[in-house]
Amino acid sequence: MGNAFSPSTGDRIKPSRIQCDADHLDSDLDTDVISLLEENARLRALVTQLSDLVLRHVVDQK
């Protein structure tokens, strides 16, 4: 007689649609986070360039 609480190998419960959607959502979030980090790096580089230009302009005016 088997355990009443553990399903046999043939009766495994398949993941619910909600679980599958959650897995898909995680991969979308990972992609979004990577995109945001890349955009953040680009913006930081632009801020650095802008700061250099402003400093050169201020020094040239003196």
C-alpha atoms as a PDB file:
ATOM      1  CA  MET A   1       0.000   0.000   0.000  1.00  0.00           C
ATOM      2  CA  GLY A   2       1.462   3.348  -1.060  1.00  0.00           C
ATOM      3  CA  ASN A   3       1.634   6.614   0.799  1.00  0.00           C
ATOM      4  CA  ALA A   4      -1.677   8.490   0.573  1.00  0.00           C
ATOM      5  CA  PHE A   5       0.059  11.846   0.398  1.00  0.00           C
ATOM      6  CA  SER A   6       2.631  11.281  -2.359  1.00  0.00           C
ATOM      7  CA  PRO A   7       1.417  10.759  -5.911  1.00  0.00           C
ATOM      8  CA  SER A   8       2.800   7.818  -7.847  1.00  0.00           C
ATOM      9  CA  THR A   9       5.189   8.548 -10.712  1.00  0.00           C
ATOM     10  CA  GLY A  10       2.391   8.250 -13.296  1.00  0.00           C
ATOM     11  CA  ASP A  11       0.097  10.612 -11.378  1.00  0.00           C
ATOM     12  CA  ARG A  12       2.448  13.581 -11.066  1.00  0.00           C
ATOM     13  CA  ILE A  13       0.749  16.932 -10.887  1.00  0.00           C
ATOM     14  CA  LYS A  14       1.572  19.128 -13.851  1.00  0.00           C
ATOM     15  CA  PRO A  15       2.476  22.760 -13.166  1.00  0.00           C
ATOM     16  CA  SER A  16      -0.481  25.055 -13.286  1.00  0.00           C
ATOM     17  CA  ARG A  17      -0.824  27.633 -16.023  1.00  0.00           C
ATOM     18  CA  ILE A  18      -0.193  30.307 -13.419  1.00  0.00           C
ATOM     19  CA  GLN A  19       3.154  28.693 -12.540  1.00  0.00           C
ATOM     20  CA  CYS A  20       4.141  28.508 -16.213  1.00  0.00           C
ATOM     21  CA  ASP A  21       3.195  32.169 -16.672  1.00  0.00           C
ATOM     22  CA  ALA A  22       5.242  33.070 -13.598  1.00  0.00           C
ATOM     23  CA  ASP A  23       8.297  31.305 -15.066  1.00  0.00           C
ATOM     24  CA  HIS A  24       7.825  33.206 -18.339  1.00  0.00           C
ATOM     25  CA  LEU A  25       7.386  36.452 -16.408  1.00  0.00           C
ATOM     26  CA  ASP A  26      10.689  35.866 -14.590  1.00  0.00           C
ATOM     27  CA  SER A  27      12.560  35.567 -17.885  1.00  0.00           C
ATOM     28  CA  ASP A  28      10.861  38.735 -19.142  1.00  0.00           C
ATOM     29  CA  LEU A  29      11.858  40.537 -15.959  1.00  0.00           C
ATOM     30  CA  ASP A  30      15.455  39.359 -16.334  1.00  0.00           C
ATOM     31  CA  THR A  31      15.516  40.729 -19.886  1.00  0.00           C
ATOM     32  CA  ASP A  32      13.980  44.001 -18.730  1.00  0.00           C
ATOM     33  CA  VAL A  33      16.498  44.343 -15.894  1.00  0.00           C
ATOM     34  CA  ILE A  34      19.407  43.740 -18.279  1.00  0.00           C
ATOM     35  CA  SER A  35      17.994  46.345 -20.679  1.00  0.00           C
ATOM     36  CA  LEU A  36      17.650  48.853 -17.853  1.00  0.00           C
ATOM     37  CA  LEU A  37      21.214  48.235 -16.686  1.00  0.00           C
ATOM     38  CA  GLU A  38      22.529  48.749 -20.215  1.00  0.00           C
ATOM     39  CA  GLU A  39      20.520  51.958 -20.611  1.00  0.00           C
ATOM     40  CA  ASN A  40      21.773  53.114 -17.206  1.00  0.00           C
ATOM     41  CA  ALA A  41      25.373  52.580 -18.346  1.00  0.00           C
ATOM     42  CA  ARG A  42      24.736  54.564 -21.549  1.00  0.00           C
ATOM     43  CA  LEU A  43      23.150  57.410 -19.600  1.00  0.00           C
ATOM     44  CA  ARG A  44      26.038  57.501 -17.126  1.00  0.00           C
ATOM     45  CA  ALA A  45      28.492  57.779 -20.022  1.00  0.00           C
ATOM     46  CA  LEU A  46      26.477  60.663 -21.486  1.00  0.00           C
ATOM     47  CA  VAL A  47      26.384  62.446 -18.125  1.00  0.00           C
ATOM     48  CA  THR A  48      30.154  62.093 -17.882  1.00  0.00           C
ATOM     49  CA  GLN A  49      30.598  63.553 -21.384  1.00  0.00           C
ATOM     50  CA  LEU A  50      28.238  66.420 -20.608  1.00  0.00           C
ATOM     51  CA  SER A  51      30.032  67.171 -17.348  1.00  0.00           C
ATOM     52  CA  ASP A  52      33.376  67.285 -19.182  1.00  0.00           C
ATOM     53  CA  LEU A  53      31.954  69.673 -21.793  1.00  0.00           C
ATOM     54  CA  VAL A  54      30.494  71.974 -19.140  1.00  0.00           C
ATOM     55  CA  LEU A  55      33.764  72.019 -17.186  1.00  0.00           C
ATOM     56  CA  ARG A  56      35.775  72.837 -20.343  1.00  0.00           C
ATOM     57  CA  HIS A  57      33.344  75.637 -21.202  1.00  0.00           C
ATOM     58  CA  VAL A  58      33.605  77.124 -17.691  1.00  0.00           C
ATOM     59  CA  VAL A  59      37.419  76.946 -17.753  1.00  0.00           C
ATOM     60  CA  ASP A  60      37.565  78.525 -21.226  1.00  0.00           C
ATOM     61  CA  GLN A  61      35.474  81.498 -20.079  1.00  0.00           C
ATOM     62  CA  LYS A  62      37.887  82.466 -17.300  1.00  0.00           C
END
